[in-house]
Amino acid sequence: QVQLVESGGGLVQAGGSLRLSCAASGSIFSINAMAWYRQAPGKQRDLVAAITRGGVTNYATSVKGRFTISNDNAKNTVYMQMNSLKPEDTAVYFCNVNGIEGKTSLFFDSWGKGTQVTVSL
């Protein structure tokens, strides 16, 4: 079983910055991709940014140029630097990791519990 632990959320004023971290632990043979999603109240969960093991990234249009996703393969950790935050970035941010489990050699797709990001005017 693969567990994800997120950190770094909080309250920040518009224009400020936050850095989210998500560490994967457990029986991991390999990780294919790591991503951040977000869900605002009453809305669906949407992809914010993703990164493959090889470093290929993908961003939602709304965060391009403001957010940067990165990973540390040795630590099975993904980060997201969020700059120039806007009130519309307020949401619960979820980490998602998929790959191959070490014990079973089966594909896994795990989610973190989420971390709240609130951007005030």
N, C-alpha and C. Protein backbone atom coordinates (compact mmCIF):
# COMPACT_ATOMS: atom_id res chain seq x y z
N GLN A 1 0.84 -1.18 0.00
CA GLN A 1 0.00 0.00 0.00
C GLN A 1 0.88 1.24 0.00
N VAL A 2 0.46 2.22 -0.77
CA VAL A 2 1.24 3.45 -0.90
C VAL A 2 0.50 4.58 -0.20
N GLN A 3 1.19 5.29 0.66
CA GLN A 3 0.60 6.41 1.39
C GLN A 3 1.20 7.72 0.91
N LEU A 4 0.36 8.75 0.91
CA LEU A 4 0.81 10.09 0.52
C LEU A 4 0.58 11.05 1.67
N VAL A 5 1.57 11.86 1.95
CA VAL A 5 1.45 12.87 3.00
C VAL A 5 1.74 14.23 2.39
N GLU A 6 0.72 15.10 2.44
CA GLU A 6 0.84 16.45 1.88
C GLU A 6 1.14 17.45 2.97
N SER A 7 1.79 18.53 2.59
CA SER A 7 2.05 19.63 3.52
C SER A 7 2.22 20.91 2.74
N GLY A 8 2.11 22.02 3.45
CA GLY A 8 2.41 23.31 2.84
C GLY A 8 1.23 24.21 2.57
N GLY A 9 0.02 23.74 2.79
CA GLY A 9 -1.13 24.61 2.57
C GLY A 9 -1.22 25.69 3.63
N GLY A 10 -2.18 26.59 3.45
CA GLY A 10 -2.36 27.63 4.44
C GLY A 10 -3.12 28.81 3.88
N LEU A 11 -3.07 29.90 4.64
CA LEU A 11 -3.75 31.14 4.27
C LEU A 11 -2.71 32.15 3.82
N VAL A 12 -2.98 32.77 2.68
CA VAL A 12 -2.04 33.75 2.13
C VAL A 12 -2.83 34.85 1.45
N GLN A 13 -2.26 36.03 1.42
CA GLN A 13 -2.91 37.13 0.72
C GLN A 13 -2.68 37.02 -0.79
N ALA A 14 -3.58 37.61 -1.53
CA ALA A 14 -3.44 37.63 -2.98
C ALA A 14 -2.09 38.22 -3.36
N GLY A 15 -1.45 37.55 -4.33
CA GLY A 15 -0.12 37.95 -4.75
C GLY A 15 0.99 37.22 -4.02
N GLY A 16 0.64 36.50 -2.98
CA GLY A 16 1.63 35.77 -2.20
C GLY A 16 1.98 34.42 -2.80
N SER A 17 2.78 33.67 -2.04
CA SER A 17 3.28 32.38 -2.52
C SER A 17 3.12 31.31 -1.46
N LEU A 18 2.99 30.10 -1.91
CA LEU A 18 2.99 28.91 -1.06
C LEU A 18 3.70 27.79 -1.80
N ARG A 19 4.25 26.86 -1.04
CA ARG A 19 4.88 25.69 -1.64
C ARG A 19 4.27 24.44 -1.02
N LEU A 20 3.70 23.61 -1.87
CA LEU A 20 3.12 22.35 -1.43
C LEU A 20 4.12 21.22 -1.63
N SER A 21 4.07 20.26 -0.71
CA SER A 21 4.92 19.07 -0.83
C SER A 21 4.05 17.83 -0.63
N CYS A 22 4.45 16.76 -1.27
CA CYS A 22 3.74 15.48 -1.13
C CYS A 22 4.75 14.37 -1.21
N ALA A 23 4.85 13.61 -0.12
CA ALA A 23 5.80 12.51 -0.07
C ALA A 23 5.07 11.18 -0.12
N ALA A 24 5.51 10.31 -1.01
CA ALA A 24 4.93 8.97 -1.14
C ALA A 24 5.80 7.97 -0.39
N SER A 25 5.14 7.08 0.33
CA SER A 25 5.89 6.06 1.08
C SER A 25 5.15 4.72 1.00
N GLY A 26 5.84 3.67 1.38
CA GLY A 26 5.26 2.34 1.32
C GLY A 26 6.01 1.49 0.32
N SER A 27 5.31 0.47 -0.17
CA SER A 27 5.95 -0.46 -1.09
C SER A 27 5.85 0.08 -2.52
N ILE A 28 6.90 0.77 -2.94
CA ILE A 28 6.92 1.40 -4.26
C ILE A 28 8.06 0.83 -5.07
N PHE A 29 7.73 0.27 -6.23
CA PHE A 29 8.77 -0.19 -7.14
C PHE A 29 9.18 0.94 -8.07
N SER A 30 8.18 1.62 -8.60
CA SER A 30 8.47 2.77 -9.46
C SER A 30 7.26 3.69 -9.51
N ILE A 31 7.54 4.95 -9.80
CA ILE A 31 6.48 5.95 -9.96
C ILE A 31 6.45 6.41 -11.41
N ASN A 32 5.26 6.41 -11.99
CA ASN A 32 5.09 6.88 -13.37
C ASN A 32 4.92 8.39 -13.42
N ALA A 33 4.02 8.89 -12.59
CA ALA A 33 3.70 10.31 -12.62
C ALA A 33 3.18 10.76 -11.27
N MET A 34 3.35 12.05 -11.01
CA MET A 34 2.86 12.67 -9.79
C MET A 34 2.12 13.93 -10.20
N ALA A 35 1.06 14.25 -9.48
CA ALA A 35 0.24 15.39 -9.90
C ALA A 35 -0.43 16.06 -8.70
N TRP A 36 -0.86 17.27 -8.95
CA TRP A 36 -1.68 18.02 -8.00
C TRP A 36 -3.02 18.33 -8.65
N TYR A 37 -4.08 18.07 -7.90
CA TYR A 37 -5.43 18.43 -8.29
C TYR A 37 -5.96 19.41 -7.25
N ARG A 38 -7.04 20.08 -7.58
CA ARG A 38 -7.68 20.95 -6.59
C ARG A 38 -9.19 20.89 -6.77
N GLN A 39 -9.85 21.12 -5.63
CA GLN A 39 -11.31 21.10 -5.63
C GLN A 39 -11.82 22.23 -4.76
N ALA A 40 -12.52 23.14 -5.40
CA ALA A 40 -13.15 24.24 -4.68
C ALA A 40 -14.55 23.80 -4.25
N PRO A 41 -15.12 24.43 -3.22
CA PRO A 41 -16.46 24.04 -2.76
C PRO A 41 -17.49 24.07 -3.87
N GLY A 42 -18.21 22.97 -4.00
CA GLY A 42 -19.27 22.88 -5.00
C GLY A 42 -18.79 22.64 -6.41
N LYS A 43 -17.49 22.41 -6.57
CA LYS A 43 -16.94 22.20 -7.92
C LYS A 43 -16.27 20.84 -8.01
N GLN A 44 -15.98 20.42 -9.23
CA GLN A 44 -15.33 19.14 -9.43
C GLN A 44 -13.83 19.27 -9.16
N ARG A 45 -13.20 18.13 -8.98
CA ARG A 45 -11.76 18.10 -8.78
C ARG A 45 -11.07 18.20 -10.14
N ASP A 46 -10.20 19.15 -10.27
CA ASP A 46 -9.53 19.41 -11.55
C ASP A 46 -8.02 19.27 -11.44
N LEU A 47 -7.40 18.85 -12.52
CA LEU A 47 -5.95 18.77 -12.57
C LEU A 47 -5.34 20.17 -12.58
N VAL A 48 -4.34 20.36 -11.74
CA VAL A 48 -3.62 21.63 -11.70
C VAL A 48 -2.29 21.49 -12.44
N ALA A 49 -1.54 20.45 -12.09
CA ALA A 49 -0.23 20.24 -12.72
C ALA A 49 0.18 18.79 -12.53
N ALA A 50 0.96 18.28 -13.46
CA ALA A 50 1.45 16.92 -13.39
C ALA A 50 2.87 16.86 -13.89
N ILE A 51 3.60 15.84 -13.42
CA ILE A 51 4.97 15.65 -13.85
C ILE A 51 5.27 14.16 -13.93
N THR A 52 5.92 13.76 -14.99
CA THR A 52 6.31 12.37 -15.13
C THR A 52 7.65 12.13 -14.44
N ARG A 53 8.00 10.86 -14.31
CA ARG A 53 9.28 10.53 -13.69
C ARG A 53 10.43 11.18 -14.45
N GLY A 54 10.26 11.30 -15.74
CA GLY A 54 11.31 11.89 -16.56
C GLY A 54 11.32 13.41 -16.56
N GLY A 55 10.34 14.01 -15.89
CA GLY A 55 10.34 15.46 -15.78
C GLY A 55 9.46 16.20 -16.76
N VAL A 56 8.66 15.49 -17.53
CA VAL A 56 7.74 16.16 -18.45
C VAL A 56 6.58 16.71 -17.65
N THR A 57 6.26 17.98 -17.86
CA THR A 57 5.23 18.63 -17.06
C THR A 57 4.02 19.03 -17.90
N ASN A 58 2.91 19.20 -17.20
CA ASN A 58 1.67 19.62 -17.82
C ASN A 58 0.94 20.50 -16.82
N TYR A 59 0.41 21.63 -17.28
CA TYR A 59 -0.25 22.58 -16.39
C TYR A 59 -1.63 22.95 -16.90
N ALA A 60 -2.53 23.21 -15.97
CA ALA A 60 -3.80 23.82 -16.33
C ALA A 60 -3.53 25.23 -16.83
N THR A 61 -4.32 25.65 -17.79
CA THR A 61 -4.11 26.96 -18.39
C THR A 61 -4.14 28.07 -17.34
N SER A 62 -5.00 27.92 -16.35
CA SER A 62 -5.20 28.97 -15.35
C SER A 62 -3.98 29.19 -14.45
N VAL A 63 -3.06 28.24 -14.41
CA VAL A 63 -1.91 28.38 -13.51
C VAL A 63 -0.58 28.49 -14.25
N LYS A 64 -0.61 28.38 -15.55
CA LYS A 64 0.64 28.47 -16.32
C LYS A 64 1.34 29.79 -16.06
N GLY A 65 2.63 29.70 -15.81
CA GLY A 65 3.41 30.90 -15.55
C GLY A 65 3.41 31.32 -14.09
N ARG A 66 2.53 30.75 -13.28
CA ARG A 66 2.46 31.09 -11.86
C ARG A 66 2.86 29.91 -10.97
N PHE A 67 2.50 28.71 -11.37
CA PHE A 67 2.80 27.50 -10.58
C PHE A 67 3.90 26.71 -11.26
N THR A 68 4.74 26.08 -10.46
CA THR A 68 5.79 25.22 -10.98
C THR A 68 5.80 23.91 -10.22
N ILE A 69 5.65 22.81 -10.94
CA ILE A 69 5.70 21.48 -10.33
C ILE A 69 7.09 20.90 -10.54
N SER A 70 7.58 20.20 -9.52
CA SER A 70 8.88 19.55 -9.62
C SER A 70 8.85 18.28 -8.79
N ASN A 71 9.84 17.42 -9.00
CA ASN A 71 9.87 16.18 -8.24
C ASN A 71 11.28 15.83 -7.83
N ASP A 72 11.35 15.02 -6.81
CA ASP A 72 12.62 14.45 -6.36
C ASP A 72 12.42 12.94 -6.38
N ASN A 73 12.91 12.30 -7.41
CA ASN A 73 12.67 10.86 -7.58
C ASN A 73 13.29 10.05 -6.44
N ALA A 74 14.41 10.48 -5.94
CA ALA A 74 15.07 9.74 -4.86
C ALA A 74 14.25 9.75 -3.58
N LYS A 75 13.45 10.81 -3.40
CA LYS A 75 12.63 10.93 -2.20
C LYS A 75 11.16 10.62 -2.46
N ASN A 76 10.83 10.24 -3.68
CA ASN A 76 9.42 9.99 -4.04
C ASN A 76 8.53 11.15 -3.61
N THR A 77 8.98 12.33 -3.89
CA THR A 77 8.30 13.53 -3.44
C THR A 77 8.04 14.47 -4.62
N VAL A 78 6.87 15.10 -4.58
CA VAL A 78 6.51 16.09 -5.58
C VAL A 78 6.24 17.41 -4.87
N TYR A 79 6.63 18.48 -5.52
CA TYR A 79 6.44 19.82 -4.98
C TYR A 79 5.65 20.67 -5.96
N MET A 80 5.02 21.69 -5.45
CA MET A 80 4.41 22.67 -6.33
C MET A 80 4.60 24.06 -5.72
N GLN A 81 5.37 24.86 -6.40
CA GLN A 81 5.58 26.24 -6.01
C GLN A 81 4.47 27.08 -6.63
N MET A 82 3.73 27.77 -5.79
CA MET A 82 2.61 28.57 -6.26
C MET A 82 2.90 30.04 -5.98
N ASN A 83 3.06 30.81 -7.05
CA ASN A 83 3.33 32.24 -6.94
C ASN A 83 2.16 33.05 -7.48
N SER A 84 2.16 34.31 -7.16
CA SER A 84 1.11 35.23 -7.65
C SER A 84 -0.28 34.64 -7.42
N LEU A 85 -0.50 34.15 -6.22
CA LEU A 85 -1.76 33.49 -5.91
C LEU A 85 -2.94 34.45 -6.00
N LYS A 86 -4.06 33.91 -6.45
CA LYS A 86 -5.29 34.68 -6.62
C LYS A 86 -6.39 34.06 -5.75
N PRO A 87 -7.39 34.83 -5.40
CA PRO A 87 -8.50 34.26 -4.61
C PRO A 87 -9.13 33.05 -5.29
N GLU A 88 -9.15 33.03 -6.61
CA GLU A 88 -9.74 31.89 -7.31
C GLU A 88 -8.89 30.63 -7.23
N ASP A 89 -7.70 30.73 -6.66
CA ASP A 89 -6.88 29.54 -6.42
C ASP A 89 -7.28 28.84 -5.12
N THR A 90 -8.18 29.46 -4.37
CA THR A 90 -8.63 28.86 -3.11
C THR A 90 -9.32 27.53 -3.37
N ALA A 91 -8.83 26.50 -2.69
CA ALA A 91 -9.36 25.14 -2.89
C ALA A 91 -8.63 24.20 -1.95
N VAL A 92 -9.12 22.97 -1.91
CA VAL A 92 -8.35 21.89 -1.28
C VAL A 92 -7.50 21.27 -2.38
N TYR A 93 -6.22 21.16 -2.13
CA TYR A 93 -5.28 20.62 -3.10
C TYR A 93 -4.93 19.18 -2.73
N PHE A 94 -5.07 18.30 -3.71
CA PHE A 94 -4.84 16.87 -3.50
C PHE A 94 -3.64 16.42 -4.32
N CYS A 95 -2.82 15.60 -3.71
CA CYS A 95 -1.71 14.97 -4.40
C CYS A 95 -2.16 13.63 -4.97
N ASN A 96 -1.69 13.30 -6.14
CA ASN A 96 -1.99 12.01 -6.78
C ASN A 96 -0.71 11.42 -7.34
N VAL A 97 -0.51 10.15 -7.06
CA VAL A 97 0.69 9.46 -7.54
C VAL A 97 0.29 8.12 -8.11
N ASN A 98 0.84 7.75 -9.24
CA ASN A 98 0.61 6.41 -9.77
C ASN A 98 1.92 5.77 -10.18
N GLY A 99 1.91 4.44 -10.15
CA GLY A 99 3.13 3.70 -10.47
C GLY A 99 2.94 2.22 -10.26
N ILE A 100 4.00 1.54 -9.90
CA ILE A 100 3.99 0.10 -9.70
C ILE A 100 4.38 -0.21 -8.25
N GLU A 101 3.54 -1.00 -7.57
CA GLU A 101 3.85 -1.39 -6.20
C GLU A 101 5.02 -2.36 -6.16
N GLY A 102 5.75 -2.32 -5.07
CA GLY A 102 6.92 -3.17 -4.94
C GLY A 102 6.58 -4.62 -4.62
N LYS A 103 5.63 -4.85 -3.74
CA LYS A 103 5.32 -6.22 -3.29
C LYS A 103 4.49 -6.99 -4.31
N THR A 104 3.54 -6.32 -4.92
CA THR A 104 2.59 -7.01 -5.81
C THR A 104 2.92 -6.85 -7.28
N SER A 105 3.76 -5.88 -7.61
CA SER A 105 4.05 -5.51 -9.00
C SER A 105 2.80 -5.07 -9.74
N LEU A 106 1.80 -4.62 -9.00
CA LEU A 106 0.58 -4.14 -9.61
C LEU A 106 0.58 -2.62 -9.68
N PHE A 107 -0.21 -2.11 -10.60
CA PHE A 107 -0.34 -0.66 -10.74
C PHE A 107 -1.06 -0.09 -9.52
N PHE A 108 -0.61 1.04 -9.05
CA PHE A 108 -1.31 1.74 -7.98
C PHE A 108 -1.60 3.17 -8.41
N ASP A 109 -2.67 3.71 -7.83
CA ASP A 109 -3.07 5.10 -8.08
C ASP A 109 -3.57 5.64 -6.75
N SER A 110 -2.74 6.40 -6.07
CA SER A 110 -3.04 6.83 -4.72
C SER A 110 -3.30 8.32 -4.62
N TRP A 111 -4.14 8.66 -3.64
CA TRP A 111 -4.50 10.06 -3.38
C TRP A 111 -4.14 10.45 -1.96
N GLY A 112 -3.72 11.68 -1.79
CA GLY A 112 -3.54 12.22 -0.46
C GLY A 112 -4.87 12.70 0.09
N LYS A 113 -4.85 13.12 1.37
CA LYS A 113 -6.08 13.55 2.01
C LYS A 113 -6.44 14.99 1.68
N GLY A 114 -5.50 15.72 1.14
CA GLY A 114 -5.76 17.10 0.74
C GLY A 114 -5.23 18.11 1.73
N THR A 115 -4.88 19.27 1.21
CA THR A 115 -4.42 20.37 2.06
C THR A 115 -5.11 21.65 1.58
N GLN A 116 -5.60 22.42 2.53
CA GLN A 116 -6.38 23.61 2.20
C GLN A 116 -5.45 24.77 1.83
N VAL A 117 -5.78 25.42 0.73
CA VAL A 117 -5.10 26.65 0.34
C VAL A 117 -6.17 27.73 0.25
N THR A 118 -6.00 28.79 1.00
CA THR A 118 -6.95 29.89 1.01
C THR A 118 -6.21 31.18 0.67
N VAL A 119 -6.71 31.86 -0.36
CA VAL A 119 -6.09 33.11 -0.79
C VAL A 119 -7.07 34.23 -0.54
N SER A 120 -6.70 35.18 0.28
CA SER A 120 -7.58 36.29 0.63
C SER A 120 -7.23 37.53 -0.17
N LEU A 121 -8.21 38.42 -0.27
CA LEU A 121 -7.98 39.67 -1.01
C LEU A 121 -7.05 40.59 -0.25
